[in-house]
N, C-alpha and C. Protein backbone atom coordinates (compact mmCIF):
# COMPACT_ATOMS: atom_id res chain seq x y z
N MET A 1 25.71 13.16 -11.89
CA MET A 1 24.42 12.73 -11.09
C MET A 1 24.13 11.38 -11.34
N THR A 2 23.90 10.58 -10.39
CA THR A 2 23.43 9.22 -10.62
C THR A 2 21.90 9.10 -10.43
N ASN A 3 21.36 8.03 -10.93
CA ASN A 3 20.03 7.79 -10.83
C ASN A 3 19.40 7.74 -9.44
N SER A 4 20.22 7.45 -8.46
CA SER A 4 19.80 7.33 -6.95
C SER A 4 19.84 8.72 -6.39
N SER A 5 20.49 9.68 -7.00
CA SER A 5 20.55 10.98 -6.23
C SER A 5 19.40 11.85 -6.62
N LYS A 6 19.23 12.86 -5.75
CA LYS A 6 18.14 13.86 -6.01
C LYS A 6 18.51 14.75 -7.20
N PRO A 7 17.51 15.08 -7.98
CA PRO A 7 17.87 15.90 -9.20
C PRO A 7 18.20 17.45 -8.62
N THR A 8 18.94 18.12 -9.50
CA THR A 8 19.10 19.52 -9.35
C THR A 8 17.86 20.18 -9.73
N ILE A 9 17.26 21.01 -8.94
CA ILE A 9 16.05 21.87 -9.12
C ILE A 9 16.48 23.24 -9.17
N ILE A 10 15.88 24.00 -10.09
CA ILE A 10 16.03 25.44 -10.14
C ILE A 10 14.60 25.99 -10.19
N ARG A 11 14.23 26.74 -9.16
CA ARG A 11 12.90 27.22 -9.00
C ARG A 11 12.90 28.74 -9.37
N ASN A 12 11.96 29.12 -10.23
CA ASN A 12 11.66 30.63 -10.49
C ASN A 12 10.37 30.95 -10.05
N ALA A 13 9.93 32.09 -10.37
CA ALA A 13 8.52 32.42 -9.84
C ALA A 13 7.46 31.55 -10.34
N ASP A 14 7.43 31.27 -11.65
CA ASP A 14 6.37 30.51 -12.19
C ASP A 14 6.80 29.13 -12.70
N THR A 15 8.04 28.75 -12.87
CA THR A 15 8.43 27.42 -13.39
C THR A 15 9.45 26.87 -12.47
N VAL A 16 9.69 25.58 -12.60
CA VAL A 16 10.72 24.77 -12.06
C VAL A 16 11.49 24.19 -13.17
N GLN A 17 12.73 24.04 -13.08
CA GLN A 17 13.56 23.32 -14.03
C GLN A 17 14.20 22.04 -13.27
N VAL A 18 14.11 20.92 -13.83
CA VAL A 18 14.40 19.72 -13.12
C VAL A 18 15.46 19.04 -14.03
N GLU A 19 16.72 18.77 -13.48
CA GLU A 19 17.70 18.29 -14.30
C GLU A 19 17.36 16.80 -14.71
N ILE A 20 17.74 16.51 -16.00
CA ILE A 20 17.48 15.09 -16.50
C ILE A 20 18.77 14.23 -16.12
N SER A 21 18.44 13.14 -15.39
CA SER A 21 19.54 12.38 -14.86
C SER A 21 20.51 11.85 -15.81
N ASN A 22 19.94 11.37 -16.99
CA ASN A 22 20.76 10.75 -17.97
C ASN A 22 21.16 11.68 -19.13
N MET A 23 20.94 12.97 -18.98
CA MET A 23 21.38 14.08 -19.95
C MET A 23 22.08 15.10 -19.04
N ARG A 24 23.21 14.84 -18.59
CA ARG A 24 23.91 15.92 -17.82
C ARG A 24 23.83 17.27 -18.31
N GLY A 25 23.35 18.11 -17.42
CA GLY A 25 23.29 19.58 -17.82
C GLY A 25 22.06 19.95 -18.65
N GLN A 26 21.12 18.96 -18.83
CA GLN A 26 19.85 19.19 -19.51
C GLN A 26 18.77 19.26 -18.58
N PHE A 27 17.80 20.21 -18.70
CA PHE A 27 16.74 20.36 -17.72
C PHE A 27 15.38 20.28 -18.39
N ALA A 28 14.44 19.70 -17.73
CA ALA A 28 12.99 19.88 -18.15
C ALA A 28 12.55 21.04 -17.38
N ILE A 29 11.50 21.69 -18.04
CA ILE A 29 10.91 22.93 -17.40
C ILE A 29 9.41 22.61 -17.25
N VAL A 30 8.84 22.84 -16.15
CA VAL A 30 7.53 22.51 -15.79
C VAL A 30 6.90 23.75 -14.98
N ASP A 31 5.67 23.86 -14.99
CA ASP A 31 4.99 25.04 -14.24
C ASP A 31 5.20 24.66 -12.78
N ALA A 32 5.38 25.68 -11.96
CA ALA A 32 5.70 25.38 -10.59
C ALA A 32 4.59 24.78 -9.91
N ALA A 33 3.26 25.09 -10.21
CA ALA A 33 2.17 24.51 -9.48
C ALA A 33 2.12 23.05 -9.77
N ASP A 34 2.41 22.69 -11.08
CA ASP A 34 2.38 21.26 -11.46
C ASP A 34 3.49 20.47 -10.69
N TYR A 35 4.62 21.00 -10.64
CA TYR A 35 5.85 20.42 -9.96
C TYR A 35 5.40 20.21 -8.45
N ASP A 36 4.86 21.17 -7.91
CA ASP A 36 4.44 21.10 -6.39
C ASP A 36 3.43 20.01 -6.32
N ARG A 37 2.29 19.86 -7.20
CA ARG A 37 1.46 18.81 -7.11
C ARG A 37 2.04 17.49 -7.28
N LEU A 38 2.92 17.29 -8.17
CA LEU A 38 3.64 16.05 -8.36
C LEU A 38 4.40 15.61 -7.06
N ARG A 39 5.12 16.65 -6.57
CA ARG A 39 5.93 16.37 -5.48
C ARG A 39 5.07 15.92 -4.22
N VAL A 40 4.01 16.59 -4.00
CA VAL A 40 3.01 16.17 -2.87
C VAL A 40 2.48 14.79 -3.14
N ALA A 41 2.34 14.43 -4.44
CA ALA A 41 1.93 13.07 -4.73
C ALA A 41 2.90 12.03 -4.53
N GLY A 42 4.21 12.37 -4.34
CA GLY A 42 5.25 11.51 -4.07
C GLY A 42 6.22 11.40 -5.32
N HIS A 43 5.95 12.06 -6.41
CA HIS A 43 6.91 11.96 -7.62
C HIS A 43 8.03 12.77 -7.43
N VAL A 44 9.04 12.42 -6.47
CA VAL A 44 10.02 13.28 -6.19
C VAL A 44 11.49 12.70 -6.61
N GLY A 45 11.52 11.60 -7.27
CA GLY A 45 12.68 10.82 -7.67
C GLY A 45 13.28 11.70 -8.87
N THR A 46 14.36 10.99 -9.49
CA THR A 46 15.02 11.51 -10.57
C THR A 46 14.13 11.51 -11.81
N TRP A 47 14.37 12.36 -12.65
CA TRP A 47 13.71 12.35 -13.99
C TRP A 47 14.69 11.94 -15.00
N CYS A 48 14.41 11.09 -15.95
CA CYS A 48 15.30 10.69 -16.99
C CYS A 48 14.59 10.87 -18.37
N PHE A 49 15.37 10.82 -19.37
CA PHE A 49 14.92 10.75 -20.77
C PHE A 49 14.83 9.57 -21.31
N ASN A 50 13.79 8.97 -21.55
CA ASN A 50 13.64 7.56 -22.05
C ASN A 50 13.31 7.68 -23.64
N MET A 51 14.16 7.00 -24.41
CA MET A 51 14.01 6.99 -25.81
C MET A 51 12.96 6.05 -26.35
N ASN A 52 12.20 5.39 -25.43
CA ASN A 52 11.11 4.59 -25.78
C ASN A 52 11.59 3.48 -26.73
N GLY A 53 12.54 2.59 -26.35
CA GLY A 53 13.03 1.60 -27.12
C GLY A 53 13.84 1.95 -28.31
N GLY A 54 14.45 3.09 -28.33
CA GLY A 54 15.20 3.49 -29.59
C GLY A 54 14.42 4.06 -30.64
N ARG A 55 13.19 4.48 -30.42
CA ARG A 55 12.40 5.13 -31.55
C ARG A 55 12.94 6.43 -31.77
N THR A 56 12.26 7.27 -32.57
CA THR A 56 12.63 8.59 -32.98
C THR A 56 12.57 9.67 -31.98
N HIS A 57 11.77 9.46 -30.93
CA HIS A 57 11.45 10.49 -29.97
C HIS A 57 11.40 9.81 -28.61
N GLY A 58 11.48 10.62 -27.55
CA GLY A 58 11.57 9.95 -26.24
C GLY A 58 10.64 10.94 -25.30
N TYR A 59 10.73 10.52 -24.06
CA TYR A 59 9.89 11.08 -23.01
C TYR A 59 10.52 11.34 -21.70
N VAL A 60 10.20 12.37 -20.98
CA VAL A 60 10.68 12.63 -19.66
C VAL A 60 9.84 11.55 -18.79
N ARG A 61 10.56 10.71 -18.00
CA ARG A 61 9.95 9.82 -17.14
C ARG A 61 10.49 9.98 -15.68
N THR A 62 9.68 9.51 -14.80
CA THR A 62 10.20 9.36 -13.37
C THR A 62 9.63 8.14 -12.88
N LYS A 63 10.31 7.48 -11.82
CA LYS A 63 9.71 6.30 -11.21
C LYS A 63 9.10 6.54 -9.87
N TYR A 64 8.04 5.92 -9.79
CA TYR A 64 7.10 6.10 -8.57
C TYR A 64 6.58 4.71 -8.18
N LYS A 65 6.93 4.37 -6.95
CA LYS A 65 6.36 2.94 -6.50
C LYS A 65 6.78 1.78 -7.45
N GLY A 66 7.95 1.90 -7.98
CA GLY A 66 8.51 0.80 -8.78
C GLY A 66 8.03 0.95 -10.38
N ASN A 67 7.20 1.94 -10.64
CA ASN A 67 6.69 1.97 -11.95
C ASN A 67 7.32 3.24 -12.65
N ASN A 68 7.50 3.11 -13.90
CA ASN A 68 7.97 4.29 -14.66
C ASN A 68 6.76 5.06 -15.15
N SER A 69 6.76 6.32 -14.97
CA SER A 69 5.66 7.14 -15.27
C SER A 69 5.99 8.22 -16.19
N THR A 70 5.36 8.61 -17.23
CA THR A 70 5.74 9.80 -18.10
C THR A 70 5.20 11.05 -17.50
N VAL A 71 6.10 11.88 -17.24
CA VAL A 71 5.83 13.13 -16.48
C VAL A 71 4.76 13.96 -17.25
N ALA A 72 4.69 14.15 -18.51
CA ALA A 72 3.70 14.79 -19.32
C ALA A 72 2.29 14.19 -18.93
N ARG A 73 2.17 12.88 -18.93
CA ARG A 73 0.86 12.37 -18.63
C ARG A 73 0.32 12.51 -17.15
N LEU A 74 1.44 12.61 -16.27
CA LEU A 74 1.05 12.96 -14.89
C LEU A 74 0.56 14.40 -14.83
N ILE A 75 1.21 15.28 -15.41
CA ILE A 75 0.86 16.66 -15.48
C ILE A 75 -0.58 16.78 -16.03
N LEU A 76 -0.84 16.20 -17.15
CA LEU A 76 -2.05 16.25 -17.72
C LEU A 76 -3.16 15.45 -17.24
N ASN A 77 -2.78 14.59 -16.21
CA ASN A 77 -3.73 13.56 -15.54
C ASN A 77 -4.61 12.83 -16.56
N ASP A 78 -3.74 12.09 -17.53
CA ASP A 78 -4.37 11.51 -18.59
C ASP A 78 -4.56 9.95 -18.32
N PRO A 79 -5.75 9.62 -17.83
CA PRO A 79 -6.06 8.20 -17.69
C PRO A 79 -6.33 7.39 -18.99
N THR A 80 -6.72 8.12 -20.13
CA THR A 80 -7.14 7.53 -21.31
C THR A 80 -5.96 7.17 -22.19
N ARG A 81 -4.72 7.55 -21.85
CA ARG A 81 -3.61 7.30 -22.64
C ARG A 81 -3.71 7.80 -24.08
N GLN A 82 -4.16 8.83 -24.27
CA GLN A 82 -4.21 9.59 -25.48
C GLN A 82 -2.74 10.01 -25.90
N THR A 83 -2.57 10.42 -27.09
CA THR A 83 -1.27 10.91 -27.46
C THR A 83 -0.91 12.24 -26.89
N VAL A 84 0.21 12.40 -26.24
CA VAL A 84 0.62 13.66 -25.84
C VAL A 84 1.42 14.50 -26.81
N ARG A 85 0.82 15.70 -27.07
CA ARG A 85 1.50 16.47 -28.06
C ARG A 85 2.34 17.56 -27.39
N TYR A 86 3.48 17.81 -27.85
CA TYR A 86 4.40 18.84 -27.37
C TYR A 86 4.28 19.99 -28.49
N ASN A 87 3.56 21.03 -28.10
CA ASN A 87 3.19 21.97 -29.15
C ASN A 87 4.34 22.62 -29.83
N ASN A 88 5.42 23.01 -29.03
CA ASN A 88 6.61 23.71 -29.66
C ASN A 88 7.69 22.64 -30.11
N GLY A 89 7.27 21.27 -29.93
CA GLY A 89 8.28 20.26 -30.44
C GLY A 89 9.26 19.82 -29.42
N SER A 90 9.41 20.62 -28.17
CA SER A 90 10.33 20.20 -27.21
C SER A 90 9.82 19.32 -26.23
N ARG A 91 10.34 18.09 -26.02
CA ARG A 91 9.74 17.11 -25.03
C ARG A 91 10.37 17.31 -23.80
N LEU A 92 11.24 18.35 -23.60
CA LEU A 92 11.71 18.83 -22.24
C LEU A 92 10.92 19.99 -21.71
N ASP A 93 9.99 20.55 -22.54
CA ASP A 93 9.10 21.65 -22.13
C ASP A 93 7.81 21.08 -21.63
N LEU A 94 7.63 20.85 -20.38
CA LEU A 94 6.51 20.14 -19.75
C LEU A 94 5.57 21.19 -19.15
N ARG A 95 5.54 22.38 -19.69
CA ARG A 95 4.63 23.43 -19.11
C ARG A 95 3.33 23.18 -19.82
N ARG A 96 2.23 23.38 -19.07
CA ARG A 96 0.94 23.09 -19.56
C ARG A 96 0.59 23.77 -20.84
N SER A 97 1.15 25.00 -21.09
CA SER A 97 0.91 25.67 -22.33
C SER A 97 1.54 24.93 -23.54
N ASN A 98 2.57 24.00 -23.29
CA ASN A 98 3.17 23.23 -24.33
C ASN A 98 2.53 21.92 -24.66
N LEU A 99 1.72 21.39 -23.70
CA LEU A 99 1.11 20.02 -23.78
C LEU A 99 -0.24 20.01 -24.02
N SER A 100 -0.68 19.13 -24.91
CA SER A 100 -2.04 18.85 -25.06
C SER A 100 -2.28 17.46 -25.54
N LEU A 101 -3.45 16.92 -25.54
CA LEU A 101 -3.81 15.57 -25.83
C LEU A 101 -4.46 15.51 -27.15
N GLY A 102 -4.29 14.41 -27.85
CA GLY A 102 -4.94 14.24 -29.15
C GLY A 102 -4.81 12.93 -29.64
N ASN A 103 -5.35 12.66 -30.87
CA ASN A 103 -5.20 11.38 -31.46
C ASN A 103 -3.84 11.30 -32.20
N SER A 104 -3.33 10.17 -32.27
CA SER A 104 -1.94 9.91 -32.92
C SER A 104 -2.09 10.18 -34.40
N GLY A 105 -0.95 10.32 -35.09
CA GLY A 105 -0.92 10.57 -36.45
C GLY A 105 -0.06 11.60 -36.78
N ARG A 106 -0.10 12.90 -36.15
CA ARG A 106 0.67 13.92 -36.57
C ARG A 106 2.03 13.86 -35.79
N LYS A 107 3.15 14.01 -36.58
CA LYS A 107 4.34 13.84 -36.10
C LYS A 107 4.97 15.32 -35.62
N TYR A 108 5.62 15.23 -34.48
CA TYR A 108 6.12 16.45 -33.88
C TYR A 108 7.59 16.45 -33.84
N GLY A 109 8.22 17.58 -33.74
CA GLY A 109 9.61 17.62 -33.74
C GLY A 109 10.42 16.95 -32.73
N ARG A 110 11.58 16.70 -32.83
CA ARG A 110 12.47 15.88 -31.80
C ARG A 110 13.41 16.88 -31.05
N THR A 111 13.05 18.17 -30.88
CA THR A 111 13.99 18.98 -30.19
C THR A 111 13.99 18.61 -28.76
N PHE A 112 15.28 18.66 -28.24
CA PHE A 112 15.37 18.16 -26.77
C PHE A 112 15.63 19.32 -25.89
N ALA A 113 16.02 20.44 -26.40
CA ALA A 113 16.21 21.62 -25.42
C ALA A 113 14.87 22.31 -24.99
N ALA A 114 14.73 22.52 -23.85
CA ALA A 114 13.65 23.17 -23.41
C ALA A 114 13.69 24.68 -23.68
N ASN A 115 12.60 25.29 -24.12
CA ASN A 115 12.56 26.74 -24.48
C ASN A 115 11.96 27.44 -23.27
N ALA A 116 12.81 28.17 -22.57
CA ALA A 116 12.31 28.85 -21.21
C ALA A 116 11.72 30.25 -21.63
């Protein structure tokens, strides 16, 4: 899959799995309602995993109107740019139940596989 092609999407009753373009065979999982809201807002391009300059952890991002956006921030509608926490440690698990906002300082795991 190339960055210009549409991602593979697997839709279940309550969740959607979106293939990560630069991690062949890996999928992010997101609540179906959030995926639909992002899609209506125009965030329908490829999703990639960005290692944030080679640091120890990364983020799922998508490009919209020429800008890279962190999908977790879009889901949480976070204009304050607080730290996004991945409660189970998986940065591919973008379900609301796994995401929270908080102050920086606590380190979270670097698990890349989504727990469905």
